[in-house]
Amino acid sequence: MCIKQYAKRNYRSTKGCLAVSKKDMLFLITKINKQTTIIVSNTIFQKIISKKYKAVNKYGISKSITYDKIKNCCKKYNLKLKSIFITNPWGILEEKRLNYYMIINWLKNKDVVISYPNYIRDNIHIDKLTKNYIKMIHSKSKKIDYFPSGYCSTNEAFIIALKKRFEKHFNKKVNLNFIYNLKHIQPTTRINSKKIKKKIVIKENLKSYFNYYQKLINKF
């Protein structure tokens, strides 16, 4: 239960599972096979040795330092550790970032302009992320780090796919423009998968997702 609450940004304590929420990191302290287990939510933008990724900005550095301290603590006190590296989660109650900007403006009949369309990102729907959390928790594997993946593509490919679903749902055409050749301010590629798709089709049922935004816009 607490895993789904995490995915929907609603952190609470439940019987047998304590969720300790900070602004950028969630700790789940639970029992797996009678052993106390620390489950940490990490980000793809921190240091990941196995992928040869360096931390991105102060946010990534702080996450990297925190995770290193947690690993040392677990080792010192003989606690089991599991970690999941999150890429770009999206869905109901998502942060006010790219998807929020696009959908809100489309609902207001405004043009959408996207910078950095060539960034390659891994957009994972919260339903899939939830399933990966549950699978990780129940796994008997000794593996520590898990890397769930969603839609690996350029920002442009993902945005075009989302635009098609938006237009079909609302039965309206929207305007979308991309700005190319800007100097990149972040790493070009940050993904969990090894495969990058040139074109994607969003498979999730987005009815409740778009209805959520419709209700938001009605409050404005």
N, C-alpha and C. Protein backbone atom coordinates (compact mmCIF):
# COMPACT_ATOMS: atom_id res chain seq x y z
N MET A 1 0.83 -1.21 0.00
CA MET A 1 0.00 0.00 0.00
C MET A 1 0.86 1.26 0.00
N CYS A 2 1.92 1.28 0.85
CA CYS A 2 2.73 2.48 0.94
C CYS A 2 3.49 2.74 -0.35
N ILE A 3 3.72 1.70 -1.17
CA ILE A 3 4.42 1.89 -2.43
C ILE A 3 3.56 2.69 -3.38
N LYS A 4 2.29 2.35 -3.45
CA LYS A 4 1.38 3.11 -4.32
C LYS A 4 1.24 4.53 -3.81
N GLN A 5 1.23 4.68 -2.50
CA GLN A 5 1.14 6.02 -1.95
C GLN A 5 2.36 6.83 -2.34
N TYR A 6 3.52 6.16 -2.36
CA TYR A 6 4.72 6.88 -2.78
C TYR A 6 4.58 7.37 -4.21
N ALA A 7 4.16 6.47 -5.11
CA ALA A 7 4.09 6.81 -6.52
C ALA A 7 3.15 7.97 -6.76
N LYS A 8 2.18 8.14 -5.90
CA LYS A 8 1.22 9.22 -6.06
C LYS A 8 1.53 10.40 -5.14
N ARG A 9 2.77 10.42 -4.61
CA ARG A 9 3.25 11.53 -3.80
C ARG A 9 2.44 11.70 -2.51
N ASN A 10 1.98 10.60 -1.93
CA ASN A 10 1.21 10.69 -0.70
C ASN A 10 1.87 9.76 0.32
N TYR A 11 2.74 10.32 1.14
CA TYR A 11 3.55 9.48 2.02
C TYR A 11 2.88 9.30 3.38
N ARG A 12 2.74 8.06 3.80
CA ARG A 12 2.14 7.77 5.09
C ARG A 12 2.78 6.51 5.68
N SER A 13 2.59 6.34 6.97
CA SER A 13 3.04 5.11 7.60
C SER A 13 1.89 4.11 7.58
N THR A 14 2.22 2.87 7.28
CA THR A 14 1.22 1.82 7.29
C THR A 14 1.76 0.67 8.12
N LYS A 15 0.91 -0.20 8.54
CA LYS A 15 1.30 -1.32 9.40
C LYS A 15 2.41 -2.14 8.76
N GLY A 16 3.52 -2.25 9.48
CA GLY A 16 4.63 -3.07 8.99
C GLY A 16 5.52 -2.37 7.99
N CYS A 17 5.21 -1.11 7.71
CA CYS A 17 6.02 -0.41 6.69
C CYS A 17 6.04 1.08 7.02
N LEU A 18 7.19 1.58 7.38
CA LEU A 18 7.33 2.98 7.73
C LEU A 18 7.94 3.76 6.57
N ALA A 19 7.23 4.76 6.10
CA ALA A 19 7.75 5.59 5.02
C ALA A 19 8.19 6.92 5.60
N VAL A 20 9.46 7.22 5.48
CA VAL A 20 10.01 8.47 5.99
C VAL A 20 10.30 9.37 4.80
N SER A 21 9.53 10.40 4.65
CA SER A 21 9.65 11.25 3.46
C SER A 21 10.46 12.50 3.72
N LYS A 22 11.41 12.77 2.82
CA LYS A 22 12.09 14.05 2.77
C LYS A 22 11.69 14.69 1.45
N LYS A 23 12.21 15.88 1.18
CA LYS A 23 11.81 16.56 -0.05
C LYS A 23 12.20 15.77 -1.28
N ASP A 24 13.41 15.19 -1.28
CA ASP A 24 13.91 14.55 -2.49
C ASP A 24 14.20 13.07 -2.33
N MET A 25 13.94 12.49 -1.16
CA MET A 25 14.27 11.08 -0.99
C MET A 25 13.29 10.42 -0.05
N LEU A 26 12.92 9.19 -0.35
CA LEU A 26 12.00 8.43 0.49
C LEU A 26 12.71 7.20 1.00
N PHE A 27 12.59 6.95 2.31
CA PHE A 27 13.13 5.74 2.89
C PHE A 27 11.97 4.85 3.30
N LEU A 28 12.01 3.62 2.90
CA LEU A 28 11.02 2.65 3.36
C LEU A 28 11.74 1.68 4.27
N ILE A 29 11.29 1.59 5.51
CA ILE A 29 11.87 0.66 6.47
C ILE A 29 10.84 -0.42 6.72
N THR A 30 11.13 -1.62 6.30
CA THR A 30 10.14 -2.67 6.37
C THR A 30 10.80 -4.00 6.70
N LYS A 31 10.00 -5.03 6.82
CA LYS A 31 10.49 -6.38 7.10
C LYS A 31 10.33 -7.23 5.85
N ILE A 32 11.42 -7.82 5.38
CA ILE A 32 11.38 -8.75 4.26
C ILE A 32 12.02 -10.04 4.73
N ASN A 33 11.21 -11.09 4.77
CA ASN A 33 11.69 -12.38 5.30
C ASN A 33 12.28 -12.20 6.70
N LYS A 34 11.57 -11.45 7.53
CA LYS A 34 11.93 -11.22 8.93
C LYS A 34 13.23 -10.43 9.11
N GLN A 35 13.72 -9.86 8.05
CA GLN A 35 14.94 -9.06 8.12
C GLN A 35 14.63 -7.60 7.84
N THR A 36 15.11 -6.72 8.72
CA THR A 36 14.89 -5.28 8.50
C THR A 36 15.58 -4.84 7.22
N THR A 37 14.80 -4.19 6.37
CA THR A 37 15.32 -3.79 5.06
C THR A 37 15.10 -2.29 4.85
N ILE A 38 16.14 -1.63 4.40
CA ILE A 38 16.05 -0.22 4.06
C ILE A 38 15.90 -0.11 2.54
N ILE A 39 14.84 0.55 2.11
CA ILE A 39 14.59 0.74 0.68
C ILE A 39 14.71 2.23 0.37
N VAL A 40 15.58 2.55 -0.56
CA VAL A 40 15.89 3.95 -0.85
C VAL A 40 15.49 4.30 -2.28
N SER A 41 14.84 5.44 -2.41
CA SER A 41 14.51 5.96 -3.73
C SER A 41 15.61 6.92 -4.17
N ASN A 42 16.27 6.58 -5.26
CA ASN A 42 17.33 7.41 -5.80
C ASN A 42 16.90 8.03 -7.12
N THR A 43 17.78 8.81 -7.72
CA THR A 43 17.48 9.46 -8.99
C THR A 43 18.56 9.15 -10.02
N ILE A 44 18.16 9.14 -11.26
CA ILE A 44 19.08 8.88 -12.35
C ILE A 44 20.09 10.02 -12.50
N PHE A 45 19.85 11.15 -11.83
CA PHE A 45 20.71 12.31 -11.98
C PHE A 45 21.81 12.37 -10.91
N GLN A 46 21.95 11.32 -10.12
CA GLN A 46 23.06 11.29 -9.17
C GLN A 46 24.18 10.41 -9.71
N LYS A 47 25.24 10.27 -8.95
CA LYS A 47 26.36 9.45 -9.37
C LYS A 47 25.96 7.98 -9.40
N ILE A 48 26.20 7.32 -10.55
CA ILE A 48 25.91 5.90 -10.68
C ILE A 48 27.14 5.25 -11.30
N ILE A 49 27.90 4.58 -10.47
CA ILE A 49 29.18 4.02 -10.91
C ILE A 49 29.00 3.00 -12.02
N SER A 50 27.99 2.12 -11.88
CA SER A 50 27.79 1.06 -12.87
C SER A 50 27.47 1.59 -14.26
N LYS A 51 26.91 2.81 -14.33
CA LYS A 51 26.57 3.41 -15.61
C LYS A 51 27.56 4.51 -16.02
N LYS A 52 28.55 4.73 -15.17
CA LYS A 52 29.55 5.77 -15.41
C LYS A 52 28.90 7.15 -15.51
N TYR A 53 27.84 7.35 -14.72
CA TYR A 53 27.17 8.64 -14.68
C TYR A 53 27.75 9.48 -13.55
N LYS A 54 27.99 10.75 -13.83
CA LYS A 54 28.41 11.68 -12.80
C LYS A 54 27.18 12.42 -12.28
N ALA A 55 27.27 12.91 -11.07
CA ALA A 55 26.15 13.66 -10.49
C ALA A 55 25.91 14.95 -11.28
N VAL A 56 24.64 15.29 -11.45
CA VAL A 56 24.26 16.50 -12.16
C VAL A 56 23.87 17.57 -11.14
N ASN A 57 24.55 18.66 -11.12
CA ASN A 57 24.32 19.82 -10.26
C ASN A 57 24.32 19.45 -8.75
N LYS A 58 23.98 20.43 -7.93
CA LYS A 58 24.02 20.23 -6.47
C LYS A 58 22.99 19.20 -6.01
N TYR A 59 21.88 19.15 -6.72
CA TYR A 59 20.84 18.16 -6.38
C TYR A 59 21.39 16.75 -6.50
N GLY A 60 22.02 16.44 -7.64
CA GLY A 60 22.58 15.12 -7.85
C GLY A 60 23.70 14.79 -6.89
N ILE A 61 24.51 15.81 -6.57
CA ILE A 61 25.60 15.62 -5.63
C ILE A 61 25.07 15.28 -4.24
N SER A 62 24.05 16.02 -3.78
CA SER A 62 23.48 15.77 -2.45
C SER A 62 22.85 14.39 -2.37
N LYS A 63 22.19 13.97 -3.44
CA LYS A 63 21.60 12.62 -3.46
C LYS A 63 22.69 11.56 -3.40
N SER A 64 23.78 11.79 -4.10
CA SER A 64 24.89 10.84 -4.12
C SER A 64 25.51 10.70 -2.74
N ILE A 65 25.74 11.82 -2.07
CA ILE A 65 26.34 11.80 -0.74
C ILE A 65 25.42 11.09 0.25
N THR A 66 24.13 11.40 0.17
CA THR A 66 23.17 10.77 1.08
C THR A 66 23.13 9.26 0.90
N TYR A 67 23.12 8.81 -0.34
CA TYR A 67 23.06 7.38 -0.60
C TYR A 67 24.32 6.68 -0.11
N ASP A 68 25.46 7.30 -0.29
CA ASP A 68 26.71 6.71 0.21
C ASP A 68 26.67 6.55 1.72
N LYS A 69 26.12 7.52 2.42
CA LYS A 69 26.03 7.44 3.88
C LYS A 69 25.06 6.34 4.30
N ILE A 70 23.96 6.19 3.56
CA ILE A 70 22.99 5.13 3.87
C ILE A 70 23.62 3.76 3.68
N LYS A 71 24.38 3.60 2.60
CA LYS A 71 25.04 2.32 2.33
C LYS A 71 26.04 1.98 3.44
N ASN A 72 26.78 2.97 3.89
CA ASN A 72 27.74 2.74 4.96
C ASN A 72 27.05 2.38 6.26
N CYS A 73 25.93 3.02 6.53
CA CYS A 73 25.16 2.74 7.74
C CYS A 73 24.61 1.31 7.72
N CYS A 74 24.06 0.90 6.57
CA CYS A 74 23.51 -0.45 6.43
C CYS A 74 24.60 -1.50 6.61
N LYS A 75 25.77 -1.21 6.08
CA LYS A 75 26.89 -2.14 6.21
C LYS A 75 27.35 -2.24 7.66
N LYS A 76 27.39 -1.11 8.34
CA LYS A 76 27.85 -1.06 9.73
C LYS A 76 26.91 -1.83 10.65
N TYR A 77 25.59 -1.69 10.43
CA TYR A 77 24.62 -2.31 11.33
C TYR A 77 23.98 -3.57 10.75
N ASN A 78 24.57 -4.06 9.67
CA ASN A 78 24.13 -5.31 9.06
C ASN A 78 22.64 -5.26 8.66
N LEU A 79 22.27 -4.19 7.99
CA LEU A 79 20.90 -4.03 7.51
C LEU A 79 20.85 -4.32 6.01
N LYS A 80 19.78 -4.95 5.59
CA LYS A 80 19.62 -5.24 4.16
C LYS A 80 19.24 -3.94 3.44
N LEU A 81 19.78 -3.76 2.25
CA LEU A 81 19.53 -2.53 1.49
C LEU A 81 19.05 -2.84 0.09
N LYS A 82 18.01 -2.11 -0.32
CA LYS A 82 17.55 -2.16 -1.70
C LYS A 82 17.36 -0.72 -2.17
N SER A 83 17.76 -0.46 -3.39
CA SER A 83 17.68 0.89 -3.93
C SER A 83 17.09 0.87 -5.33
N ILE A 84 16.23 1.86 -5.60
CA ILE A 84 15.63 1.97 -6.93
C ILE A 84 15.96 3.35 -7.49
N PHE A 85 16.48 3.36 -8.72
CA PHE A 85 16.87 4.62 -9.36
C PHE A 85 15.75 5.06 -10.30
N ILE A 86 15.16 6.19 -9.98
CA ILE A 86 14.01 6.70 -10.73
C ILE A 86 14.47 7.64 -11.82
N THR A 87 13.86 7.51 -12.97
CA THR A 87 14.21 8.37 -14.11
C THR A 87 13.28 9.58 -14.14
N ASN A 88 12.36 9.63 -15.08
CA ASN A 88 11.40 10.74 -15.18
C ASN A 88 9.99 10.19 -14.95
N PRO A 89 9.52 10.15 -13.70
CA PRO A 89 8.18 9.63 -13.45
C PRO A 89 7.11 10.61 -13.91
N TRP A 90 6.02 10.08 -14.44
CA TRP A 90 4.93 10.96 -14.87
C TRP A 90 3.60 10.26 -14.63
N GLY A 91 2.56 11.06 -14.41
CA GLY A 91 1.23 10.53 -14.13
C GLY A 91 0.48 11.51 -13.25
N ILE A 92 -0.65 11.08 -12.73
CA ILE A 92 -1.47 11.94 -11.88
C ILE A 92 -0.66 12.44 -10.68
N LEU A 93 -0.83 13.70 -10.34
CA LEU A 93 -0.14 14.36 -9.23
C LEU A 93 1.36 14.52 -9.48
N GLU A 94 1.76 14.49 -10.75
CA GLU A 94 3.17 14.67 -11.07
C GLU A 94 3.63 16.09 -10.75
N GLU A 95 4.94 16.27 -10.70
CA GLU A 95 5.50 17.58 -10.43
C GLU A 95 5.18 18.54 -11.59
N LYS A 96 5.23 19.81 -11.28
CA LYS A 96 4.91 20.82 -12.29
C LYS A 96 6.12 21.07 -13.18
N ARG A 97 6.36 20.11 -14.05
CA ARG A 97 7.49 20.21 -14.95
C ARG A 97 7.00 20.14 -16.40
N LEU A 98 7.68 19.36 -17.23
CA LEU A 98 7.42 19.40 -18.67
C LEU A 98 5.99 19.03 -19.03
N ASN A 99 5.51 17.87 -18.58
CA ASN A 99 4.14 17.45 -18.93
C ASN A 99 3.10 18.44 -18.43
N TYR A 100 3.30 18.91 -17.22
CA TYR A 100 2.37 19.88 -16.64
C TYR A 100 2.31 21.13 -17.52
N TYR A 101 3.47 21.64 -17.88
CA TYR A 101 3.55 22.83 -18.72
C TYR A 101 2.81 22.63 -20.04
N MET A 102 3.05 21.50 -20.69
CA MET A 102 2.43 21.25 -22.00
C MET A 102 0.92 21.12 -21.91
N ILE A 103 0.47 20.27 -21.01
CA ILE A 103 -0.96 19.96 -20.95
C ILE A 103 -1.77 21.17 -20.50
N ILE A 104 -1.29 21.88 -19.50
CA ILE A 104 -2.00 23.08 -19.04
C ILE A 104 -2.11 24.11 -20.16
N ASN A 105 -1.04 24.32 -20.90
CA ASN A 105 -1.07 25.30 -21.98
C ASN A 105 -1.94 24.84 -23.14
N TRP A 106 -1.93 23.56 -23.45
CA TRP A 106 -2.81 23.05 -24.51
C TRP A 106 -4.27 23.21 -24.12
N LEU A 107 -4.57 22.97 -22.86
CA LEU A 107 -5.95 23.14 -22.40
C LEU A 107 -6.37 24.61 -22.43
N LYS A 108 -5.39 25.49 -22.34
CA LYS A 108 -5.69 26.93 -22.42
C LYS A 108 -5.61 27.44 -23.86
N ASN A 109 -5.43 26.50 -24.81
CA ASN A 109 -5.33 26.84 -26.23
C ASN A 109 -4.13 27.72 -26.53
N LYS A 110 -3.06 27.51 -25.80
CA LYS A 110 -1.82 28.24 -26.02
C LYS A 110 -0.80 27.37 -26.74
N ASP A 111 0.10 28.02 -27.46
CA ASP A 111 1.18 27.29 -28.12
C ASP A 111 2.18 26.78 -27.09
N VAL A 112 2.77 25.65 -27.39
CA VAL A 112 3.79 25.08 -26.53
C VAL A 112 5.13 25.09 -27.26
N VAL A 113 6.16 25.64 -26.62
CA VAL A 113 7.49 25.69 -27.20
C VAL A 113 8.43 24.87 -26.32
N ILE A 114 9.13 23.93 -26.92
CA ILE A 114 9.99 23.02 -26.17
C ILE A 114 11.46 23.26 -26.51
N SER A 115 12.24 23.53 -25.48
CA SER A 115 13.70 23.62 -25.62
C SER A 115 14.31 22.24 -25.40
N TYR A 116 15.46 22.02 -25.93
CA TYR A 116 16.21 20.77 -25.74
C TYR A 116 15.43 19.51 -26.15
N PRO A 117 14.88 19.49 -27.35
CA PRO A 117 14.13 18.31 -27.81
C PRO A 117 15.02 17.08 -28.02
N ASN A 118 16.34 17.29 -28.09
CA ASN A 118 17.25 16.17 -28.35
C ASN A 118 17.76 15.49 -27.09
N TYR A 119 17.38 16.01 -25.92
CA TYR A 119 17.72 15.29 -24.70
C TYR A 119 17.10 13.90 -24.76
N ILE A 120 17.85 12.89 -24.36
CA ILE A 120 17.34 11.53 -24.33
C ILE A 120 17.01 11.17 -22.89
N ARG A 121 15.74 10.92 -22.62
CA ARG A 121 15.28 10.67 -21.26
C ARG A 121 14.45 9.39 -21.20
N ASP A 122 14.23 8.94 -19.98
CA ASP A 122 13.53 7.68 -19.71
C ASP A 122 12.28 8.01 -18.91
N ASN A 123 11.14 8.15 -19.59
CA ASN A 123 9.90 8.57 -18.94
C ASN A 123 9.08 7.35 -18.52
N ILE A 124 8.94 7.16 -17.22
CA ILE A 124 8.24 5.99 -16.70
C ILE A 124 6.93 6.41 -16.02
N HIS A 125 5.84 5.78 -16.43
CA HIS A 125 4.53 6.08 -15.85
C HIS A 125 4.49 5.56 -14.42
N ILE A 126 3.79 6.28 -13.53
CA ILE A 126 3.79 5.92 -12.12
C ILE A 126 3.19 4.53 -11.86
N ASP A 127 2.27 4.07 -12.71
CA ASP A 127 1.71 2.72 -12.53
C ASP A 127 2.80 1.66 -12.73
N LYS A 128 3.62 1.86 -13.74
CA LYS A 128 4.72 0.92 -13.99
C LYS A 128 5.77 1.04 -12.89
N LEU A 129 6.03 2.25 -12.44
CA LEU A 129 6.99 2.46 -11.36
C LEU A 129 6.51 1.76 -10.09
N THR A 130 5.21 1.85 -9.81
CA THR A 130 4.64 1.18 -8.64
C THR A 130 4.87 -0.32 -8.71
N LYS A 131 4.60 -0.90 -9.87
CA LYS A 131 4.79 -2.34 -10.04
C LYS A 131 6.24 -2.74 -9.83
N ASN A 132 7.15 -1.89 -10.28
CA ASN A 132 8.57 -2.18 -10.10
C ASN A 132 8.97 -2.11 -8.63
N TYR A 133 8.39 -1.17 -7.89
CA TYR A 133 8.65 -1.10 -6.46
C TYR A 133 8.20 -2.38 -5.76
N ILE A 134 6.99 -2.79 -6.06
CA ILE A 134 6.43 -3.98 -5.41
C ILE A 134 7.26 -5.22 -5.76
N LYS A 135 7.63 -5.33 -7.03
CA LYS A 135 8.45 -6.46 -7.47
C LYS A 135 9.80 -6.47 -6.76
N MET A 136 10.40 -5.29 -6.61
CA MET A 136 11.68 -5.20 -5.93
C MET A 136 11.58 -5.61 -4.47
N ILE A 137 10.55 -5.15 -3.80
CA ILE A 137 10.38 -5.46 -2.38
C ILE A 137 10.20 -6.95 -2.14
N HIS A 138 9.47 -7.61 -3.02
CA HIS A 138 9.20 -9.04 -2.84
C HIS A 138 10.28 -9.93 -3.45
N SER A 139 11.23 -9.32 -4.12
CA SER A 139 12.29 -10.12 -4.72
C SER A 139 13.23 -10.72 -3.66
N LYS A 140 13.63 -11.96 -3.87
CA LYS A 140 14.57 -12.62 -2.96
C LYS A 140 16.01 -12.47 -3.44
N SER A 141 16.17 -11.70 -4.50
CA SER A 141 17.50 -11.48 -5.05
C SER A 141 18.37 -10.68 -4.07
N LYS A 142 19.66 -10.93 -4.12
CA LYS A 142 20.60 -10.19 -3.29
C LYS A 142 21.02 -8.87 -3.94
N LYS A 143 20.48 -8.65 -5.11
CA LYS A 143 20.81 -7.41 -5.83
C LYS A 143 20.37 -6.20 -5.02
N ILE A 144 21.17 -5.15 -5.05
CA ILE A 144 20.87 -3.95 -4.27
C ILE A 144 20.22 -2.87 -5.14
N ASP A 145 20.82 -2.57 -6.27
CA ASP A 145 20.34 -1.47 -7.11
C ASP A 145 19.44 -1.96 -8.24
N TYR A 146 18.30 -1.29 -8.39
CA TYR A 146 17.33 -1.64 -9.43
C TYR A 146 17.12 -0.41 -10.34
N PHE A 147 16.94 -0.68 -11.63
CA PHE A 147 16.84 0.40 -12.61
C PHE A 147 15.61 0.21 -13.51
N PRO A 148 14.41 0.55 -13.02
CA PRO A 148 13.21 0.41 -13.85
C PRO A 148 13.21 1.40 -15.00
N SER A 149 12.66 0.97 -16.14
CA SER A 149 12.69 1.81 -17.33
C SER A 149 11.29 1.97 -17.92
N GLY A 150 11.07 3.10 -18.54
CA GLY A 150 9.79 3.37 -19.19
C GLY A 150 9.97 3.55 -20.68
N TYR A 151 9.73 4.78 -21.17
CA TYR A 151 9.90 5.09 -22.59
C TYR A 151 11.22 5.82 -22.78
N CYS A 152 12.20 5.14 -23.36
CA CYS A 152 13.52 5.73 -23.61
C CYS A 152 13.54 6.33 -25.02
N SER A 153 13.64 7.62 -25.08
CA SER A 153 13.62 8.29 -26.38
C SER A 153 14.07 9.73 -26.21
N THR A 154 14.14 10.45 -27.30
CA THR A 154 14.39 11.89 -27.19
C THR A 154 13.15 12.55 -26.59
N ASN A 155 13.34 13.72 -26.02
CA ASN A 155 12.19 14.48 -25.54
C ASN A 155 11.18 14.68 -26.66
N GLU A 156 11.69 14.93 -27.84
CA GLU A 156 10.81 15.19 -28.99
C GLU A 156 9.91 14.00 -29.27
N ALA A 157 10.46 12.79 -29.28
CA ALA A 157 9.67 11.59 -29.58
C ALA A 157 8.60 11.37 -28.53
N PHE A 158 8.95 11.54 -27.26
CA PHE A 158 7.96 11.33 -26.19
C PHE A 158 6.87 12.39 -26.24
N ILE A 159 7.25 13.63 -26.46
CA ILE A 159 6.28 14.72 -26.49
C ILE A 159 5.31 14.57 -27.66
N ILE A 160 5.80 14.16 -28.80
CA ILE A 160 4.93 13.94 -29.96
C ILE A 160 3.93 12.83 -29.66
N ALA A 161 4.38 11.77 -28.99
CA ALA A 161 3.49 10.66 -28.64
C ALA A 161 2.42 11.13 -27.65
N LEU A 162 2.80 11.94 -26.68
CA LEU A 162 1.84 12.45 -25.70
C LEU A 162 0.87 13.41 -26.36
N LYS A 163 1.36 14.21 -27.27
CA LYS A 163 0.51 15.16 -28.00
C LYS A 163 -0.58 14.41 -28.78
N LYS A 164 -0.23 13.30 -29.41
CA LYS A 164 -1.21 12.52 -30.17
C LYS A 164 -2.30 11.99 -29.25
N ARG A 165 -1.91 11.53 -28.07
CA ARG A 165 -2.90 11.01 -27.13
C ARG A 165 -3.78 12.15 -26.61
N PHE A 166 -3.20 13.32 -26.38
CA PHE A 166 -3.97 14.47 -25.92
C PHE A 166 -5.01 14.86 -26.96
N GLU A 167 -4.58 14.96 -28.21
CA GLU A 167 -5.48 15.38 -29.29
C GLU A 167 -6.62 14.38 -29.49
N LYS A 168 -6.31 13.11 -29.34
CA LYS A 168 -7.34 12.09 -29.50
C LYS A 168 -8.35 12.15 -28.35
N HIS A 169 -7.84 12.35 -27.14
CA HIS A 169 -8.72 12.38 -25.96
C HIS A 169 -9.65 13.59 -25.98
N PHE A 170 -9.11 14.76 -26.30
CA PHE A 170 -9.90 15.99 -26.26
C PHE A 170 -10.49 16.36 -27.62
N ASN A 171 -10.14 15.59 -28.64
CA ASN A 171 -10.66 15.84 -29.99
C ASN A 171 -10.38 17.28 -30.43
N LYS A 172 -9.12 17.67 -30.29
CA LYS A 172 -8.71 19.01 -30.68
C LYS A 172 -7.25 18.98 -31.10
N LYS A 173 -6.89 19.87 -32.01
CA LYS A 173 -5.52 19.99 -32.46
C LYS A 173 -4.80 21.06 -31.61
N VAL A 174 -3.54 20.81 -31.33
CA VAL A 174 -2.78 21.77 -30.53
C VAL A 174 -1.48 22.12 -31.25
N ASN A 175 -0.90 23.24 -30.87
CA ASN A 175 0.33 23.72 -31.50
C ASN A 175 1.55 23.35 -30.66
N LEU A 176 2.57 22.88 -31.36
CA LEU A 176 3.80 22.44 -30.70
C LEU A 176 5.00 22.84 -31.54
N ASN A 177 5.97 23.49 -30.92
CA ASN A 177 7.19 23.90 -31.62
C ASN A 177 8.42 23.52 -30.81
N PHE A 178 9.49 23.19 -31.52
CA PHE A 178 10.74 22.81 -30.87
C PHE A 178 11.84 23.81 -31.20
N ILE A 179 12.72 24.05 -30.23
CA ILE A 179 13.88 24.90 -30.44
C ILE A 179 15.11 24.00 -30.44
N TYR A 180 15.80 23.98 -31.57
CA TYR A 180 16.98 23.13 -31.71
C TYR A 180 18.27 23.95 -31.56
N ASN A 181 19.37 23.22 -31.45
CA ASN A 181 20.71 23.81 -31.46
C ASN A 181 21.02 24.70 -30.26
N LEU A 182 20.29 24.54 -29.17
CA LEU A 182 20.63 25.25 -27.95
C LEU A 182 21.78 24.52 -27.25
N LYS A 183 22.59 25.26 -26.53
CA LYS A 183 23.68 24.64 -25.79
C LYS A 183 23.11 23.84 -24.63
N HIS A 184 23.47 22.56 -24.54
CA HIS A 184 22.92 21.69 -23.50
C HIS A 184 23.44 22.09 -22.13
N ILE A 185 22.54 22.14 -21.17
CA ILE A 185 22.91 22.48 -19.80
C ILE A 185 22.87 21.26 -18.90
N GLN A 186 22.45 20.12 -19.43
CA GLN A 186 22.44 18.86 -18.71
C GLN A 186 23.05 17.79 -19.61
N PRO A 187 23.39 16.61 -19.04
CA PRO A 187 23.88 15.51 -19.88
C PRO A 187 22.85 15.17 -20.95
N THR A 188 23.30 14.90 -22.16
CA THR A 188 22.38 14.61 -23.25
C THR A 188 21.54 13.37 -22.97
N THR A 189 22.17 12.35 -22.38
CA THR A 189 21.47 11.08 -22.15
C THR A 189 21.48 10.71 -20.68
N ARG A 190 20.30 10.42 -20.13
CA ARG A 190 20.17 9.87 -18.79
C ARG A 190 19.00 8.88 -18.80
N ILE A 191 19.31 7.60 -18.90
CA ILE A 191 18.28 6.57 -19.00
C ILE A 191 18.68 5.35 -18.19
N ASN A 192 17.70 4.50 -17.90
CA ASN A 192 17.97 3.23 -17.23
C ASN A 192 18.10 2.08 -18.22
N SER A 193 17.48 2.20 -19.36
CA SER A 193 17.51 1.14 -20.37
C SER A 193 18.72 1.31 -21.28
N LYS A 194 19.03 0.26 -22.03
CA LYS A 194 20.11 0.33 -23.01
C LYS A 194 19.57 0.64 -24.40
N LYS A 195 18.24 0.52 -24.55
CA LYS A 195 17.63 0.73 -25.87
C LYS A 195 16.97 2.10 -25.94
N ILE A 196 17.27 2.81 -27.00
CA ILE A 196 16.66 4.12 -27.25
C ILE A 196 15.79 4.01 -28.50
N LYS A 197 14.52 4.33 -28.35
CA LYS A 197 13.59 4.23 -29.47
C LYS A 197 13.46 5.56 -30.19
N LYS A 198 13.44 5.48 -31.52
CA LYS A 198 13.28 6.69 -32.32
C LYS A 198 11.83 7.16 -32.32
N LYS A 199 10.93 6.21 -32.19
CA LYS A 199 9.50 6.53 -32.16
C LYS A 199 8.83 5.68 -31.09
N ILE A 200 7.93 6.28 -30.34
CA ILE A 200 7.24 5.52 -29.29
C ILE A 200 5.73 5.69 -29.39
N VAL A 201 5.04 4.73 -28.82
CA VAL A 201 3.58 4.77 -28.70
C VAL A 201 3.24 4.56 -27.24
N ILE A 202 2.58 5.51 -26.65
CA ILE A 202 2.23 5.41 -25.23
C ILE A 202 1.08 4.41 -25.08
N LYS A 203 1.30 3.39 -24.26
CA LYS A 203 0.35 2.29 -24.15
C LYS A 203 -0.65 2.46 -23.00
N GLU A 204 -0.32 3.26 -22.01
CA GLU A 204 -1.18 3.38 -20.84
C GLU A 204 -2.53 4.02 -21.18
N ASN A 205 -3.54 3.67 -20.38
CA ASN A 205 -4.84 4.32 -20.48
C ASN A 205 -4.72 5.68 -19.80
N LEU A 206 -4.85 6.76 -20.56
CA LEU A 206 -4.61 8.10 -20.03
C LEU A 206 -5.89 8.87 -19.74
N LYS A 207 -7.01 8.20 -19.70
CA LYS A 207 -8.28 8.89 -19.46
C LYS A 207 -8.27 9.62 -18.12
N SER A 208 -7.91 8.92 -17.05
CA SER A 208 -7.90 9.54 -15.73
C SER A 208 -6.81 10.61 -15.63
N TYR A 209 -5.73 10.41 -16.36
CA TYR A 209 -4.62 11.37 -16.37
C TYR A 209 -5.07 12.70 -16.97
N PHE A 210 -5.70 12.64 -18.12
CA PHE A 210 -6.17 13.87 -18.76
C PHE A 210 -7.35 14.48 -18.00
N ASN A 211 -8.20 13.64 -17.42
CA ASN A 211 -9.31 14.17 -16.63
C ASN A 211 -8.80 14.91 -15.39
N TYR A 212 -7.72 14.42 -14.85
CA TYR A 212 -7.08 15.08 -13.71
C TYR A 212 -6.68 16.51 -14.08
N TYR A 213 -6.09 16.65 -15.27
CA TYR A 213 -5.67 17.98 -15.72
C TYR A 213 -6.89 18.86 -16.07
N GLN A 214 -7.90 18.23 -16.58
CA GLN A 214 -9.12 19.00 -16.89
C GLN A 214 -9.72 19.59 -15.62
N LYS A 215 -9.70 18.83 -14.55
CA LYS A 215 -10.21 19.33 -13.27
C LYS A 215 -9.32 20.45 -12.73
N LEU A 216 -8.01 20.31 -12.96
CA LEU A 216 -7.09 21.35 -12.53
C LEU A 216 -7.37 22.67 -13.25
N ILE A 217 -7.56 22.58 -14.55
CA ILE A 217 -7.76 23.78 -15.34
C ILE A 217 -9.10 24.44 -15.00
N ASN A 218 -10.05 23.64 -14.57
CA ASN A 218 -11.36 24.20 -14.19
C ASN A 218 -11.30 25.02 -12.91
N LYS A 219 -10.23 24.80 -12.13
CA LYS A 219 -10.06 25.54 -10.87
C LYS A 219 -9.38 26.89 -11.11
N PHE A 220 -8.79 27.05 -12.28
CA PHE A 220 -8.07 28.31 -12.56
C PHE A 220 -9.04 29.47 -12.76
